[in-house]
N, C-alpha and C. Protein backbone atom coordinates (compact mmCIF):
# COMPACT_ATOMS: atom_id res chain seq x y z
N MET A 1 5.21 -2.14 16.69
CA MET A 1 4.13 -1.39 16.88
C MET A 1 3.30 -2.08 15.71
N ASN A 2 1.70 -2.93 16.67
CA ASN A 2 0.74 -2.81 15.36
C ASN A 2 -0.25 -2.29 15.16
N VAL A 3 -0.68 -1.69 14.08
CA VAL A 3 -1.39 -0.85 13.60
C VAL A 3 -2.84 -1.04 14.02
N THR A 4 -3.93 -0.50 14.54
CA THR A 4 -5.29 -1.48 14.51
C THR A 4 -5.87 -0.17 14.18
N VAL A 5 -7.18 -0.52 13.55
CA VAL A 5 -8.03 0.93 12.89
C VAL A 5 -8.55 1.39 14.12
N THR A 6 -8.66 1.64 15.10
CA THR A 6 -8.34 2.28 16.65
C THR A 6 -7.44 3.32 16.26
N GLN A 7 -6.16 3.07 16.17
CA GLN A 7 -4.85 3.56 16.39
C GLN A 7 -5.23 4.70 14.66
N LEU A 8 -5.80 3.45 14.06
CA LEU A 8 -5.51 4.80 12.79
C LEU A 8 -6.90 5.68 12.66
N ALA A 9 -8.01 5.55 13.39
CA ALA A 9 -9.13 6.39 13.53
C ALA A 9 -8.40 7.98 14.54
N LEU A 10 -7.80 7.59 15.13
CA LEU A 10 -7.26 8.76 16.20
C LEU A 10 -6.26 9.24 15.34
N SER A 11 -5.25 8.42 14.97
CA SER A 11 -4.46 9.40 13.96
C SER A 11 -4.46 10.40 13.15
N SER A 12 -4.23 11.81 13.49
CA SER A 12 -4.40 12.69 12.51
C SER A 12 -3.72 11.71 10.53
N ILE A 13 -4.69 11.41 10.15
CA ILE A 13 -4.40 10.51 9.26
C ILE A 13 -3.79 11.17 7.97
N VAL A 14 -3.89 12.21 7.89
CA VAL A 14 -3.46 12.82 6.79
C VAL A 14 -4.74 13.50 6.39
N ALA A 15 -4.84 14.69 5.85
CA ALA A 15 -5.98 15.39 5.58
C ALA A 15 -6.98 14.43 4.55
N VAL A 16 -7.10 13.20 4.32
CA VAL A 16 -7.84 12.17 3.32
C VAL A 16 -8.97 12.87 3.03
N THR A 17 -8.97 13.40 1.69
CA THR A 17 -10.38 13.37 0.90
C THR A 17 -10.99 12.54 -0.18
N ALA A 18 -11.83 12.24 -0.45
CA ALA A 18 -12.29 11.60 -1.73
C ALA A 18 -12.07 12.12 -2.83
N VAL A 19 -12.02 13.24 -2.77
CA VAL A 19 -12.14 14.70 -4.12
C VAL A 19 -10.83 13.84 -5.00
N SER A 20 -11.52 13.43 -6.24
CA SER A 20 -10.83 13.40 -7.66
C SER A 20 -9.57 14.56 -7.98
N ASN A 21 -8.60 13.78 -8.41
CA ASN A 21 -7.70 15.24 -8.40
C ASN A 21 -6.57 14.48 -9.73
N ALA A 22 -6.33 15.28 -10.96
CA ALA A 22 -5.75 15.02 -12.00
C ALA A 22 -4.74 14.11 -11.85
N ALA A 23 -4.27 14.06 -10.67
CA ALA A 23 -3.08 12.69 -10.85
C ALA A 23 -3.40 11.64 -10.38
N TRP A 24 -4.29 11.44 -10.26
CA TRP A 24 -4.59 10.38 -10.01
C TRP A 24 -5.66 9.58 -10.80
N ALA A 25 -6.25 10.14 -11.38
CA ALA A 25 -7.58 10.03 -12.74
C ALA A 25 -7.35 8.60 -13.45
N GLU A 26 -6.15 8.37 -13.72
CA GLU A 26 -5.99 6.98 -14.78
C GLU A 26 -5.79 5.88 -13.58
N ASP A 27 -5.73 5.90 -12.38
CA ASP A 27 -5.99 4.69 -11.36
C ASP A 27 -6.75 4.08 -11.16
N THR A 28 -6.90 2.94 -11.18
CA THR A 28 -7.92 1.82 -10.46
C THR A 28 -8.61 1.62 -9.37
N CYS A 29 -7.08 2.10 -8.59
CA CYS A 29 -6.94 2.33 -6.92
C CYS A 29 -6.56 3.51 -6.34
N HIS A 30 -6.40 3.88 -5.17
CA HIS A 30 -6.23 5.14 -4.60
C HIS A 30 -6.40 5.28 -3.52
N GLY A 31 -5.32 5.34 -2.80
CA GLY A 31 -5.82 5.26 -1.05
C GLY A 31 -4.46 6.03 -0.29
N TYR A 32 -4.40 5.13 1.19
CA TYR A 32 -3.18 5.19 2.13
C TYR A 32 -2.94 4.63 2.82
N SER A 33 -1.52 4.30 2.84
CA SER A 33 -1.13 3.10 3.70
C SER A 33 -0.78 3.99 5.28
N ILE A 34 -1.45 3.56 6.22
CA ILE A 34 -1.02 4.00 7.37
C ILE A 34 -0.45 2.78 8.74
N GLY A 35 0.66 3.60 9.17
CA GLY A 35 2.06 3.09 9.94
C GLY A 35 3.01 3.12 10.29
N ASN A 36 3.78 2.10 10.30
CA ASN A 36 5.46 2.42 10.26
C ASN A 36 6.23 1.46 9.32
N ALA A 37 7.58 1.10 9.58
CA ALA A 37 7.84 0.64 8.41
C ALA A 37 7.97 -0.92 8.61
N LYS A 38 7.37 -1.37 9.50
CA LYS A 38 7.16 -2.92 10.08
C LYS A 38 5.46 -3.27 9.66
N SER A 39 4.63 -2.56 9.88
CA SER A 39 3.29 -2.74 10.28
C SER A 39 2.27 -1.69 9.31
N ARG A 40 1.46 -1.69 8.69
CA ARG A 40 0.54 -1.00 7.93
C ARG A 40 -1.00 -1.35 8.20
N VAL A 41 -2.13 -0.41 7.29
CA VAL A 41 -3.08 -0.80 7.27
C VAL A 41 -3.24 0.11 6.15
N LEU A 42 -4.02 -0.55 4.84
CA LEU A 42 -4.57 0.00 3.45
C LEU A 42 -5.85 1.04 3.89
N VAL A 43 -5.86 1.87 3.25
CA VAL A 43 -7.53 2.35 3.31
C VAL A 43 -7.92 2.99 1.63
N HIS A 44 -8.36 2.54 1.15
CA HIS A 44 -8.62 2.68 -0.43
C HIS A 44 -9.69 3.57 -0.60
N LEU A 45 -9.43 4.52 -1.46
CA LEU A 45 -10.49 5.14 -1.48
C LEU A 45 -11.34 4.98 -2.70
N LEU A 46 -10.60 4.44 -3.79
CA LEU A 46 -11.22 3.99 -5.17
C LEU A 46 -10.62 2.43 -5.44
N GLY A 47 -11.96 1.42 -6.10
CA GLY A 47 -11.71 0.41 -6.32
C GLY A 47 -11.22 -0.65 -5.08
N VAL A 48 -10.52 -1.49 -5.72
CA VAL A 48 -10.49 -3.04 -4.76
C VAL A 48 -10.94 -2.87 -3.26
N VAL A 49 -12.05 -3.32 -3.28
CA VAL A 49 -12.86 -3.06 -2.20
C VAL A 49 -12.66 -4.38 -0.81
N PRO A 50 -12.16 -5.52 -1.82
CA PRO A 50 -11.28 -6.33 -0.53
C PRO A 50 -10.19 -6.18 0.12
N MET A 51 -9.36 -5.09 -0.47
CA MET A 51 -8.29 -4.49 0.24
C MET A 51 -8.41 -3.64 1.37
N HIS A 52 -9.47 -2.53 1.00
CA HIS A 52 -9.82 -2.06 2.02
C HIS A 52 -9.56 -2.26 3.55
N LEU A 53 -8.89 -1.46 4.33
CA LEU A 53 -8.67 -2.12 5.73
C LEU A 53 -7.65 -3.22 6.26
N ALA A 54 -6.92 -3.24 5.07
CA ALA A 54 -6.17 -4.76 5.02
C ALA A 54 -4.88 -4.16 5.86
N SER A 55 -4.40 -5.65 6.67
CA SER A 55 -3.25 -5.55 7.60
C SER A 55 -2.16 -5.85 7.11
N GLY A 56 -0.85 -5.29 7.02
CA GLY A 56 0.00 -5.67 6.64
C GLY A 56 1.18 -5.82 7.62
N ALA A 57 2.65 -6.77 7.32
CA ALA A 57 3.66 -6.22 7.77
C ALA A 57 4.53 -6.57 6.92
N CYS A 58 5.92 -5.33 7.07
CA CYS A 58 6.84 -5.09 5.92
C CYS A 58 8.42 -5.82 6.64
N GLY A 59 8.94 -5.95 5.65
CA GLY A 59 10.63 -6.58 6.06
C GLY A 59 11.13 -5.21 6.01
N GLU A 60 12.25 -5.60 6.44
CA GLU A 60 13.67 -4.27 5.91
C GLU A 60 13.46 -4.08 4.91
N SER A 61 13.92 -2.78 4.61
CA SER A 61 14.54 -2.01 3.77
C SER A 61 15.85 -3.22 2.77
N SER A 62 16.22 -2.78 2.09
CA SER A 62 17.19 -3.29 1.13
C SER A 62 17.70 -2.87 -0.24
N PRO A 63 19.18 -2.95 -0.24
CA PRO A 63 19.65 -2.17 -1.29
C PRO A 63 18.94 -3.49 -2.86
N GLY A 64 18.29 -2.06 -3.64
CA GLY A 64 18.31 -3.06 -4.82
C GLY A 64 19.52 -2.32 -5.72
N ARG A 65 18.96 -2.33 -7.17
CA ARG A 65 19.74 -1.99 -8.22
C ARG A 65 20.68 -0.70 -7.86
N PRO A 66 21.93 -0.40 -7.83
CA PRO A 66 22.91 0.86 -7.35
C PRO A 66 21.92 1.76 -7.20
N GLY A 67 21.94 2.31 -5.91
CA GLY A 67 21.32 4.21 -5.51
C GLY A 67 19.94 3.54 -5.35
N GLU A 68 19.56 2.27 -5.52
CA GLU A 68 18.41 1.72 -5.34
C GLU A 68 17.55 1.20 -3.70
N MET A 69 17.11 1.16 -2.91
CA MET A 69 15.97 0.44 -2.39
C MET A 69 14.54 0.04 -2.62
N THR A 70 14.37 -1.46 -1.62
CA THR A 70 13.54 -2.09 -1.66
C THR A 70 12.99 -2.34 -0.60
N SER A 71 11.52 -3.21 -0.36
CA SER A 71 10.54 -3.42 0.66
C SER A 71 9.84 -4.62 0.01
N GLU A 72 9.46 -5.59 0.79
CA GLU A 72 8.16 -6.18 0.61
C GLU A 72 7.16 -5.95 2.22
N CYS A 73 6.26 -6.02 1.55
CA CYS A 73 5.01 -5.96 2.37
C CYS A 73 4.06 -6.91 2.37
N THR A 74 3.55 -7.65 3.21
CA THR A 74 2.77 -8.54 3.17
C THR A 74 1.51 -8.50 4.03
N TYR A 75 0.02 -8.23 2.88
CA TYR A 75 -0.92 -7.50 3.52
C TYR A 75 -2.15 -8.93 3.58
N PHE A 76 -3.03 -8.95 4.86
CA PHE A 76 -4.13 -9.76 5.08
C PHE A 76 -5.22 -9.10 4.93
N ASP A 77 -5.94 -9.53 4.50
CA ASP A 77 -7.94 -9.23 4.47
C ASP A 77 -8.56 -10.01 5.37
N ASP A 78 -9.97 -9.87 5.59
CA ASP A 78 -10.95 -9.98 6.77
C ASP A 78 -10.70 -11.68 6.68
N ASP A 79 -10.49 -12.30 5.13
CA ASP A 79 -10.49 -13.63 4.83
C ASP A 79 -9.53 -14.98 5.11
N GLY A 80 -8.47 -13.65 5.27
CA GLY A 80 -7.28 -14.46 5.77
C GLY A 80 -6.29 -14.84 4.53
N ASP A 81 -6.86 -14.03 3.56
CA ASP A 81 -6.07 -14.54 2.13
C ASP A 81 -4.89 -13.22 1.63
N GLN A 82 -4.07 -13.28 1.64
CA GLN A 82 -2.64 -12.59 1.73
C GLN A 82 -2.46 -12.34 0.40
N TRP A 83 -1.51 -11.35 0.00
CA TRP A 83 -0.62 -10.27 -1.38
C TRP A 83 0.59 -10.26 -0.78
N THR A 84 1.26 -10.01 -1.77
CA THR A 84 2.91 -9.24 -0.80
C THR A 84 2.83 -8.21 -2.10
N SER A 85 3.69 -6.87 -1.54
CA SER A 85 3.85 -6.12 -2.63
C SER A 85 5.44 -5.89 -2.33
N ARG A 86 5.97 -5.09 -3.85
CA ARG A 86 7.33 -4.89 -3.46
C ARG A 86 7.67 -3.59 -3.74
N SER A 87 8.15 -2.72 -3.18
CA SER A 87 8.21 -1.04 -3.40
C SER A 87 9.90 -1.15 -3.73
N ALA A 88 9.47 0.09 -4.36
CA ALA A 88 11.13 0.34 -4.34
C ALA A 88 11.43 2.02 -4.66
N TRP A 89 12.08 2.26 -4.29
CA TRP A 89 13.09 4.15 -4.58
C TRP A 89 13.98 4.34 -4.25
N ALA A 90 14.20 5.66 -4.70
CA ALA A 90 16.02 6.03 -4.94
C ALA A 90 16.37 6.08 -3.65
N ASP A 91 17.54 5.89 -3.06
CA ASP A 91 17.92 5.82 -1.76
C ASP A 91 17.72 6.68 -1.24
N GLY A 92 17.20 7.56 -0.27
CA GLY A 92 16.98 8.74 0.62
C GLY A 92 15.41 9.35 -0.66
N ALA A 93 14.82 9.13 -1.36
CA ALA A 93 13.66 9.80 -2.03
C ALA A 93 12.51 9.91 -0.78
N ALA A 94 11.67 10.11 -0.89
CA ALA A 94 9.76 9.97 -0.25
C ALA A 94 9.05 9.47 -0.99
N HIS A 95 9.90 8.97 -2.19
CA HIS A 95 8.50 8.23 -3.03
C HIS A 95 9.18 7.24 -4.24
N GLY A 96 8.24 6.23 -4.27
CA GLY A 96 9.12 4.91 -5.01
C GLY A 96 7.62 4.37 -5.91
N THR A 97 8.05 3.33 -6.43
CA THR A 97 6.95 2.78 -7.04
C THR A 97 6.66 1.53 -6.19
N TRP A 98 5.29 0.70 -6.60
CA TRP A 98 5.25 -0.56 -6.16
C TRP A 98 4.74 -1.54 -7.23
N CYS A 99 4.97 -2.79 -6.63
CA CYS A 99 4.15 -3.84 -7.97
C CYS A 99 2.96 -4.96 -6.89
N ASN A 100 2.44 -5.62 -6.84
CA ASN A 100 1.97 -6.51 -6.28
C ASN A 100 2.79 -8.08 -6.89
N VAL A 101 3.23 -8.80 -6.53
CA VAL A 101 4.21 -10.06 -6.61
C VAL A 101 3.86 -11.32 -6.34
N SER A 102 2.96 -11.20 -5.85
CA SER A 102 2.06 -12.96 -5.15
C SER A 102 0.78 -12.72 -4.05
N GLY A 103 -0.25 -13.78 -4.36
CA GLY A 103 -0.87 -13.59 -3.60
C GLY A 103 -1.26 -15.71 -2.91
N THR A 104 -2.48 -15.47 -2.12
CA THR A 104 -2.89 -16.61 -1.67
C THR A 104 -4.82 -16.76 -1.83
N GLY A 105 -5.52 -17.55 -1.96
CA GLY A 105 -7.04 -17.28 -2.05
C GLY A 105 -7.25 -16.69 -3.13
N LYS A 106 -8.02 -15.98 -3.07
CA LYS A 106 -8.67 -14.85 -4.21
C LYS A 106 -7.69 -14.37 -4.81
N TYR A 107 -6.62 -13.96 -3.69
CA TYR A 107 -5.35 -13.34 -4.73
C TYR A 107 -4.37 -13.85 -5.83
N GLU A 108 -4.52 -15.24 -5.55
CA GLU A 108 -3.76 -16.32 -5.79
C GLU A 108 -3.77 -16.06 -7.65
N LYS A 109 -2.80 -15.93 -8.12
CA LYS A 109 -2.60 -15.70 -9.96
C LYS A 109 -3.91 -15.13 -10.47
N ARG A 110 -4.12 -13.91 -9.30
CA ARG A 110 -5.03 -12.98 -10.14
C ARG A 110 -4.98 -11.70 -9.33
N MET A 111 -3.50 -11.10 -8.42
CA MET A 111 -2.99 -10.36 -7.96
C MET A 111 -2.23 -9.59 -9.00
N GLY A 112 -2.27 -8.43 -9.40
CA GLY A 112 -1.31 -7.64 -10.14
C GLY A 112 -0.88 -6.68 -9.77
N GLY A 113 -0.60 -5.39 -11.33
CA GLY A 113 -0.57 -4.48 -11.07
C GLY A 113 0.60 -3.67 -10.25
N CYS A 114 0.79 -2.58 -10.89
CA CYS A 114 1.64 -1.68 -10.21
C CYS A 114 1.57 -0.33 -9.91
N GLY A 115 2.12 0.52 -9.07
CA GLY A 115 1.87 2.05 -9.21
C GLY A 115 2.78 2.51 -8.49
N TRP A 116 2.41 3.65 -8.26
CA TRP A 116 3.34 4.79 -7.34
C TRP A 116 3.10 4.75 -5.92
N TRP A 117 3.71 5.78 -4.82
CA TRP A 117 3.82 5.36 -3.60
C TRP A 117 4.24 7.09 -3.15
N LYS A 118 3.97 7.93 -2.30
CA LYS A 118 4.54 8.87 -2.00
C LYS A 118 4.49 9.07 -0.64
N LEU A 119 5.31 9.20 0.28
CA LEU A 119 5.34 9.62 1.75
C LEU A 119 4.35 11.00 2.02
N VAL A 120 3.79 10.79 2.90
CA VAL A 120 2.64 11.81 2.93
C VAL A 120 2.65 12.67 4.39
N LYS A 121 3.23 12.00 4.92
CA LYS A 121 2.68 12.26 6.68
C LYS A 121 4.01 11.55 7.29
N THR A 122 4.74 11.99 8.34
CA THR A 122 5.54 11.21 9.54
C THR A 122 5.27 11.79 10.63
N GLY A 123 5.60 10.51 11.64
CA GLY A 123 5.29 11.18 13.21
C GLY A 123 5.19 9.74 13.67
N ALA A 124 4.21 9.73 14.96
CA ALA A 124 4.40 8.52 15.65
C ALA A 124 3.73 7.11 14.35
N LEU A 125 2.69 7.90 13.36
CA LEU A 125 2.39 7.03 12.51
C LEU A 125 2.46 7.66 11.11
N ASN A 126 3.15 7.13 10.17
CA ASN A 126 3.53 7.68 8.56
C ASN A 126 2.63 7.25 7.69
N ALA A 127 2.43 8.03 6.82
CA ALA A 127 1.12 7.67 6.28
C ALA A 127 1.85 8.00 4.41
N TRP A 128 1.63 6.70 3.98
CA TRP A 128 1.86 7.06 2.28
C TRP A 128 0.81 7.33 1.74
N GLU A 129 0.65 7.48 0.42
CA GLU A 129 -0.01 7.73 -0.39
C GLU A 129 0.20 6.93 -1.46
N PHE A 130 -0.64 6.36 -2.28
CA PHE A 130 -0.17 5.02 -3.01
C PHE A 130 -1.45 5.37 -4.44
N GLY A 131 -1.59 5.34 -5.31
CA GLY A 131 -2.15 4.99 -6.35
C GLY A 131 -1.76 3.51 -7.74
N GLY A 132 -2.53 3.36 -8.58
CA GLY A 132 -2.10 2.63 -9.59
C GLY A 132 -3.32 2.12 -10.15
N GLN A 133 -2.66 0.74 -10.73
CA GLN A 133 -3.30 -0.29 -11.50
C GLN A 133 -3.53 -1.63 -10.55
N CYS A 134 -4.24 -1.35 -9.43
CA CYS A 134 -4.06 -2.44 -8.41
C CYS A 134 -5.37 -3.48 -7.80
N GLN A 135 -6.24 -3.36 -9.20
CA GLN A 135 -7.54 -4.42 -9.23
C GLN A 135 -7.04 -5.89 -9.10
N VAL A 136 -7.57 -6.89 -8.65
CA VAL A 136 -7.72 -7.95 -8.95
C VAL A 136 -8.72 -8.29 -9.83
N ASP A 137 -7.61 -9.37 -10.74
CA ASP A 137 -8.46 -9.84 -11.78
C ASP A 137 -9.50 -10.99 -11.74
N GLN A 138 -10.68 -10.35 -11.72
CA GLN A 138 -12.01 -11.35 -11.70
C GLN A 138 -11.96 -12.45 -13.12
N ALA A 139 -11.20 -11.92 -13.87
CA ALA A 139 -11.42 -12.91 -14.63
C ALA A 139 -10.60 -14.53 -14.99
N LYS A 140 -9.45 -14.91 -14.10
CA LYS A 140 -9.07 -15.68 -13.96
C LYS A 140 -9.72 -16.59 -12.48
């Protein structure tokens, strides 16, 4: 299933609010990843504007360290530039961590950061809330 902005608008996305809350006051970005295990769209509430509404394709989850699962998603922005994030979580958990691991174009050698995520809605489309330090380094 390919997630489109239309599907995103028609789905019950989560009750997305842009109200600041103490749980993510330290984040440089905060938002939602909407889709399924294979295809997602990012909706950013703070920071990193080039990443807002980027679409992504995710690989199969696989075992990492003992008791841990991992997955990689590669996202594309409107310019065709891409970056890859790797997620990790305890096997069976609905929350975990992510880190940006590589990029092309404007993200090459400038994409970094890590953060947290948690599953907040399941159904035809899932929603994962995320936050952390995910801004593009403009100095490099």
